[in-house]
Amino acid sequence: MDENKPQTEQPPQWAARLDERTQKHVAFAQNYARDYAHGAPGHLDLMTIAALAKLLDDREPCEDGG
């Protein structure tokens, strides 16, 4: 296995219902909000997408029931 290749995580259940392109856009928004959030064009859109994704992540029960 190539150690330099990024590992892809399984998307949360809510994200798995989105098409692949939308999943990637949400993941980009989450990454932007976490690591960059410097006010680039589309800043509010990306921050909003990331905030909504976090709300959904927080609501989704863990697979182990926890």
PDB file of N, CA and C in Angstrom:
ATOM      1  N   MET A   1       0.844  -1.179   0.000  1.00  0.00           N
ATOM      2  CA  MET A   1       0.000   0.000   0.000  1.00  0.00           C
ATOM      3  C   MET A   1       0.893   1.248   0.000  1.00  0.00           C
ATOM      4  N   ASP A   2       0.543   2.233  -0.782  1.00  0.00           N
ATOM      5  CA  ASP A   2       1.300   3.470  -0.877  1.00  0.00           C
ATOM      6  C   ASP A   2       1.032   4.326   0.365  1.00  0.00           C
ATOM      7  N   GLU A   3       2.083   4.545   1.178  1.00  0.00           N
ATOM      8  CA  GLU A   3       1.911   5.302   2.422  1.00  0.00           C
ATOM      9  C   GLU A   3       1.610   6.774   2.170  1.00  0.00           C
ATOM     10  N   ASN A   4       1.973   7.301   0.998  1.00  0.00           N
ATOM     11  CA  ASN A   4       1.747   8.705   0.693  1.00  0.00           C
ATOM     12  C   ASN A   4       0.346   8.977   0.160  1.00  0.00           C
ATOM     13  N   LYS A   5      -0.359   7.940  -0.201  1.00  0.00           N
ATOM     14  CA  LYS A   5      -1.707   8.103  -0.745  1.00  0.00           C
ATOM     15  C   LYS A   5      -2.678   8.371   0.401  1.00  0.00           C
ATOM     16  N   PRO A   6      -3.490   9.445   0.292  1.00  0.00           N
ATOM     17  CA  PRO A   6      -4.453   9.726   1.364  1.00  0.00           C
ATOM     18  C   PRO A   6      -5.457   8.590   1.519  1.00  0.00           C
ATOM     19  N   GLN A   7      -5.772   8.291   2.761  1.00  0.00           N
ATOM     20  CA  GLN A   7      -6.765   7.259   3.044  1.00  0.00           C
ATOM     21  C   GLN A   7      -8.153   7.881   2.984  1.00  0.00           C
ATOM     22  N   THR A   8      -9.064   7.199   2.339  1.00  0.00           N
ATOM     23  CA  THR A   8     -10.429   7.695   2.289  1.00  0.00           C
ATOM     24  C   THR A   8     -11.226   7.015   3.393  1.00  0.00           C
ATOM     25  N   GLU A   9     -11.938   7.816   4.144  1.00  0.00           N
ATOM     26  CA  GLU A   9     -12.779   7.291   5.218  1.00  0.00           C
ATOM     27  C   GLU A   9     -14.169   7.022   4.670  1.00  0.00           C
ATOM     28  N   GLN A  10     -14.851   6.112   5.320  1.00  0.00           N
ATOM     29  CA  GLN A  10     -16.239   5.838   4.969  1.00  0.00           C
ATOM     30  C   GLN A  10     -17.070   7.050   5.362  1.00  0.00           C
ATOM     31  N   PRO A  11     -17.882   7.587   4.450  1.00  0.00           N
ATOM     32  CA  PRO A  11     -18.689   8.763   4.807  1.00  0.00           C
ATOM     33  C   PRO A  11     -19.762   8.393   5.830  1.00  0.00           C
ATOM     34  N   PRO A  12     -20.201   9.376   6.645  1.00  0.00           N
ATOM     35  CA  PRO A  12     -21.314   9.120   7.564  1.00  0.00           C
ATOM     36  C   PRO A  12     -22.554   8.696   6.768  1.00  0.00           C
ATOM     37  N   GLN A  13     -23.511   8.101   7.448  1.00  0.00           N
ATOM     38  CA  GLN A  13     -24.719   7.618   6.754  1.00  0.00           C
ATOM     39  C   GLN A  13     -25.404   8.712   5.957  1.00  0.00           C
ATOM     40  N   TRP A  14     -25.534   9.898   6.536  1.00  0.00           N
ATOM     41  CA  TRP A  14     -26.233  10.966   5.817  1.00  0.00           C
ATOM     42  C   TRP A  14     -25.479  11.331   4.547  1.00  0.00           C
ATOM     43  N   ALA A  15     -24.153  11.356   4.602  1.00  0.00           N
ATOM     44  CA  ALA A  15     -23.360  11.730   3.429  1.00  0.00           C
ATOM     45  C   ALA A  15     -23.380  10.642   2.363  1.00  0.00           C
ATOM     46  N   ALA A  16     -23.514   9.403   2.796  1.00  0.00           N
ATOM     47  CA  ALA A  16     -23.542   8.298   1.846  1.00  0.00           C
ATOM     48  C   ALA A  16     -24.750   8.392   0.912  1.00  0.00           C
ATOM     49  N   ARG A  17     -25.755   9.142   1.311  1.00  0.00           N
ATOM     50  CA  ARG A  17     -26.942   9.326   0.466  1.00  0.00           C
ATOM     51  C   ARG A  17     -26.741  10.397  -0.602  1.00  0.00           C
ATOM     52  N   LEU A  18     -25.623  11.118  -0.536  1.00  0.00           N
ATOM     53  CA  LEU A  18     -25.310  12.142  -1.526  1.00  0.00           C
ATOM     54  C   LEU A  18     -24.500  11.519  -2.662  1.00  0.00           C
ATOM     55  N   ASP A  19     -24.554  12.138  -3.843  1.00  0.00           N
ATOM     56  CA  ASP A  19     -23.714  11.634  -4.928  1.00  0.00           C
ATOM     57  C   ASP A  19     -22.252  11.950  -4.606  1.00  0.00           C
ATOM     58  N   GLU A  20     -21.341  11.286  -5.298  1.00  0.00           N
ATOM     59  CA  GLU A  20     -19.913  11.401  -4.992  1.00  0.00           C
ATOM     60  C   GLU A  20     -19.409  12.841  -5.120  1.00  0.00           C
ATOM     61  N   ARG A  21     -19.861  13.553  -6.133  1.00  0.00           N
ATOM     62  CA  ARG A  21     -19.419  14.930  -6.336  1.00  0.00           C
ATOM     63  C   ARG A  21     -19.821  15.816  -5.146  1.00  0.00           C
ATOM     64  N   THR A  22     -21.054  15.640  -4.670  1.00  0.00           N
ATOM     65  CA  THR A  22     -21.536  16.423  -3.533  1.00  0.00           C
ATOM     66  C   THR A  22     -20.796  16.031  -2.258  1.00  0.00           C
ATOM     67  N   GLN A  23     -20.524  14.743  -2.068  1.00  0.00           N
ATOM     68  CA  GLN A  23     -19.753  14.297  -0.909  1.00  0.00           C
ATOM     69  C   GLN A  23     -18.388  14.975  -0.882  1.00  0.00           C
ATOM     70  N   LYS A  24     -17.750  15.061  -2.043  1.00  0.00           N
ATOM     71  CA  LYS A  24     -16.433  15.694  -2.122  1.00  0.00           C
ATOM     72  C   LYS A  24     -16.529  17.188  -1.816  1.00  0.00           C
ATOM     73  N   HIS A  25     -17.597  17.825  -2.259  1.00  0.00           N
ATOM     74  CA  HIS A  25     -17.777  19.253  -1.997  1.00  0.00           C
ATOM     75  C   HIS A  25     -17.985  19.499  -0.504  1.00  0.00           C
ATOM     76  N   VAL A  26     -18.775  18.655   0.141  1.00  0.00           N
ATOM     77  CA  VAL A  26     -18.993  18.775   1.585  1.00  0.00           C
ATOM     78  C   VAL A  26     -17.672  18.547   2.327  1.00  0.00           C
ATOM     79  N   ALA A  27     -16.920  17.511   1.925  1.00  0.00           N
ATOM     80  CA  ALA A  27     -15.635  17.235   2.574  1.00  0.00           C
ATOM     81  C   ALA A  27     -14.677  18.414   2.404  1.00  0.00           C
ATOM     82  N   PHE A  28     -14.682  19.032   1.216  1.00  0.00           N
ATOM     83  CA  PHE A  28     -13.844  20.207   0.991  1.00  0.00           C
ATOM     84  C   PHE A  28     -14.272  21.347   1.915  1.00  0.00           C
ATOM     85  N   ALA A  29     -15.575  21.558   2.047  1.00  0.00           N
ATOM     86  CA  ALA A  29     -16.074  22.626   2.914  1.00  0.00           C
ATOM     87  C   ALA A  29     -15.657  22.379   4.365  1.00  0.00           C
ATOM     88  N   GLN A  30     -15.741  21.137   4.811  1.00  0.00           N
ATOM     89  CA  GLN A  30     -15.338  20.817   6.181  1.00  0.00           C
ATOM     90  C   GLN A  30     -13.843  21.073   6.378  1.00  0.00           C
ATOM     91  N   ASN A  31     -13.032  20.668   5.400  1.00  0.00           N
ATOM     92  CA  ASN A  31     -11.593  20.899   5.454  1.00  0.00           C
ATOM     93  C   ASN A  31     -11.291  22.394   5.459  1.00  0.00           C
ATOM     94  N   TYR A  32     -11.967  23.137   4.606  1.00  0.00           N
ATOM     95  CA  TYR A  32     -11.783  24.592   4.533  1.00  0.00           C
ATOM     96  C   TYR A  32     -12.120  25.241   5.874  1.00  0.00           C
ATOM     97  N   ALA A  33     -13.257  24.876   6.440  1.00  0.00           N
ATOM     98  CA  ALA A  33     -13.700  25.478   7.705  1.00  0.00           C
ATOM     99  C   ALA A  33     -12.724  25.152   8.831  1.00  0.00           C
ATOM    100  N   ARG A  34     -12.182  23.946   8.807  1.00  0.00           N
ATOM    101  CA  ARG A  34     -11.276  23.519   9.880  1.00  0.00           C
ATOM    102  C   ARG A  34      -9.881  24.118   9.721  1.00  0.00           C
ATOM    103  N   ASP A  35      -9.367  24.176   8.493  1.00  0.00           N
ATOM    104  CA  ASP A  35      -7.950  24.490   8.302  1.00  0.00           C
ATOM    105  C   ASP A  35      -7.641  25.839   7.658  1.00  0.00           C
ATOM    106  N   TYR A  36      -8.599  26.437   6.968  1.00  0.00           N
ATOM    107  CA  TYR A  36      -8.258  27.628   6.190  1.00  0.00           C
ATOM    108  C   TYR A  36      -9.120  28.846   6.508  1.00  0.00           C
ATOM    109  N   ALA A  37     -10.410  28.742   6.462  1.00  0.00           N
ATOM    110  CA  ALA A  37     -11.386  29.789   6.822  1.00  0.00           C
ATOM    111  C   ALA A  37     -10.851  31.213   6.803  1.00  0.00           C
ATOM    112  N   HIS A  38     -10.186  31.615   5.756  1.00  0.00           N
ATOM    113  CA  HIS A  38      -9.565  32.932   5.694  1.00  0.00           C
ATOM    114  C   HIS A  38     -10.355  33.952   4.881  1.00  0.00           C
ATOM    115  N   GLY A  39     -11.560  33.619   4.479  1.00  0.00           N
ATOM    116  CA  GLY A  39     -12.402  34.600   3.815  1.00  0.00           C
ATOM    117  C   GLY A  39     -12.280  34.634   2.301  1.00  0.00           C
ATOM    118  N   ALA A  40     -11.853  33.555   1.697  1.00  0.00           N
ATOM    119  CA  ALA A  40     -11.742  33.486   0.241  1.00  0.00           C
ATOM    120  C   ALA A  40     -13.129  33.552  -0.399  1.00  0.00           C
ATOM    121  N   PRO A  41     -13.199  33.779  -1.723  1.00  0.00           N
ATOM    122  CA  PRO A  41     -14.501  33.763  -2.391  1.00  0.00           C
ATOM    123  C   PRO A  41     -15.245  32.461  -2.065  1.00  0.00           C
ATOM    124  N   GLY A  42     -16.502  32.579  -1.752  1.00  0.00           N
ATOM    125  CA  GLY A  42     -17.301  31.413  -1.370  1.00  0.00           C
ATOM    126  C   GLY A  42     -17.193  31.076   0.109  1.00  0.00           C
ATOM    127  N   HIS A  43     -16.534  31.930   0.883  1.00  0.00           N
ATOM    128  CA  HIS A  43     -16.308  31.676   2.309  1.00  0.00           C
ATOM    129  C   HIS A  43     -17.601  31.323   3.049  1.00  0.00           C
ATOM    130  N   LEU A  44     -18.625  32.149   2.913  1.00  0.00           N
ATOM    131  CA  LEU A  44     -19.866  31.907   3.640  1.00  0.00           C
ATOM    132  C   LEU A  44     -20.507  30.588   3.207  1.00  0.00           C
ATOM    133  N   ASP A  45     -20.475  30.298   1.907  1.00  0.00           N
ATOM    134  CA  ASP A  45     -21.035  29.030   1.429  1.00  0.00           C
ATOM    135  C   ASP A  45     -20.327  27.847   2.078  1.00  0.00           C
ATOM    136  N   LEU A  46     -18.998  27.867   2.072  1.00  0.00           N
ATOM    137  CA  LEU A  46     -18.239  26.753   2.632  1.00  0.00           C
ATOM    138  C   LEU A  46     -18.435  26.638   4.136  1.00  0.00           C
ATOM    139  N   MET A  47     -18.485  27.759   4.832  1.00  0.00           N
ATOM    140  CA  MET A  47     -18.704  27.720   6.273  1.00  0.00           C
ATOM    141  C   MET A  47     -20.100  27.176   6.594  1.00  0.00           C
ATOM    142  N   THR A  48     -21.093  27.540   5.782  1.00  0.00           N
ATOM    143  CA  THR A  48     -22.456  27.060   5.988  1.00  0.00           C
ATOM    144  C   THR A  48     -22.552  25.564   5.740  1.00  0.00           C
ATOM    145  N   ILE A  49     -21.958  25.095   4.649  1.00  0.00           N
ATOM    146  CA  ILE A  49     -21.967  23.662   4.336  1.00  0.00           C
ATOM    147  C   ILE A  49     -21.299  22.878   5.465  1.00  0.00           C
ATOM    148  N   ALA A  50     -20.154  23.354   5.925  1.00  0.00           N
ATOM    149  CA  ALA A  50     -19.439  22.661   6.995  1.00  0.00           C
ATOM    150  C   ALA A  50     -20.249  22.644   8.290  1.00  0.00           C
ATOM    151  N   ALA A  51     -20.916  23.752   8.604  1.00  0.00           N
ATOM    152  CA  ALA A  51     -21.734  23.817   9.818  1.00  0.00           C
ATOM    153  C   ALA A  51     -22.903  22.835   9.737  1.00  0.00           C
ATOM    154  N   LEU A  52     -23.553  22.765   8.584  1.00  0.00           N
ATOM    155  CA  LEU A  52     -24.660  21.820   8.416  1.00  0.00           C
ATOM    156  C   LEU A  52     -24.175  20.376   8.502  1.00  0.00           C
ATOM    157  N   ALA A  53     -23.021  20.095   7.912  1.00  0.00           N
ATOM    158  CA  ALA A  53     -22.464  18.743   7.984  1.00  0.00           C
ATOM    159  C   ALA A  53     -22.159  18.367   9.434  1.00  0.00           C
ATOM    160  N   LYS A  54     -21.618  19.315  10.217  1.00  0.00           N
ATOM    161  CA  LYS A  54     -21.336  19.029  11.619  1.00  0.00           C
ATOM    162  C   LYS A  54     -22.613  18.744  12.397  1.00  0.00           C
ATOM    163  N   LEU A  55     -23.661  19.514  12.144  1.00  0.00           N
ATOM    164  CA  LEU A  55     -24.939  19.252  12.809  1.00  0.00           C
ATOM    165  C   LEU A  55     -25.432  17.839  12.505  1.00  0.00           C
ATOM    166  N   LEU A  56     -25.328  17.430  11.254  1.00  0.00           N
ATOM    167  CA  LEU A  56     -25.749  16.087  10.875  1.00  0.00           C
ATOM    168  C   LEU A  56     -24.844  15.038  11.509  1.00  0.00           C
ATOM    169  N   ASP A  57     -23.533  15.281  11.512  1.00  0.00           N
ATOM    170  CA  ASP A  57     -22.606  14.342  12.152  1.00  0.00           C
ATOM    171  C   ASP A  57     -22.932  14.176  13.635  1.00  0.00           C
ATOM    172  N   ASP A  58     -23.215  15.275  14.302  1.00  0.00           N
ATOM    173  CA  ASP A  58     -23.513  15.230  15.734  1.00  0.00           C
ATOM    174  C   ASP A  58     -24.817  14.507  16.040  1.00  0.00           C
ATOM    175  N   ARG A  59     -25.772  14.532  15.125  1.00  0.00           N
ATOM    176  CA  ARG A  59     -27.059  13.874  15.326  1.00  0.00           C
ATOM    177  C   ARG A  59     -27.032  12.396  15.003  1.00  0.00           C
ATOM    178  N   GLU A  60     -26.127  11.982  14.125  1.00  0.00           N
ATOM    179  CA  GLU A  60     -26.108  10.594  13.655  1.00  0.00           C
ATOM    180  C   GLU A  60     -25.590   9.680  14.743  1.00  0.00           C
ATOM    181  N   PRO A  61     -26.355   8.649  15.097  1.00  0.00           N
ATOM    182  CA  PRO A  61     -25.897   7.719  16.133  1.00  0.00           C
ATOM    183  C   PRO A  61     -24.714   6.911  15.619  1.00  0.00           C
ATOM    184  N   CYS A  62     -23.841   6.547  16.547  1.00  0.00           N
ATOM    185  CA  CYS A  62     -22.699   5.710  16.203  1.00  0.00           C
ATOM    186  C   CYS A  62     -23.204   4.316  15.859  1.00  0.00           C
ATOM    187  N   GLU A  63     -22.435   3.616  15.020  1.00  0.00           N
ATOM    188  CA  GLU A  63     -22.830   2.262  14.639  1.00  0.00           C
ATOM    189  C   GLU A  63     -22.852   1.324  15.837  1.00  0.00           C
ATOM    190  N   ASP A  64     -22.007   1.594  16.849  1.00  0.00           N
ATOM    191  CA  ASP A  64     -21.963   0.709  18.024  1.00  0.00           C
ATOM    192  C   ASP A  64     -23.033   1.075  19.054  1.00  0.00           C
ATOM    193  N   GLY A  65     -23.904   2.037  18.692  1.00  0.00           N
ATOM    194  CA  GLY A  65     -24.996   2.411  19.586  1.00  0.00           C
ATOM    195  C   GLY A  65     -24.632   3.462  20.598  1.00  0.00           C
ATOM    196  N   GLY A  66     -23.368   3.926  20.596  1.00  0.00           N
ATOM    197  CA  GLY A  66     -22.925   4.899  21.599  1.00  0.00           C
ATOM    198  C   GLY A  66     -23.246   6.311  21.250  1.00  0.00           C
TER     199      GLY A  66
END
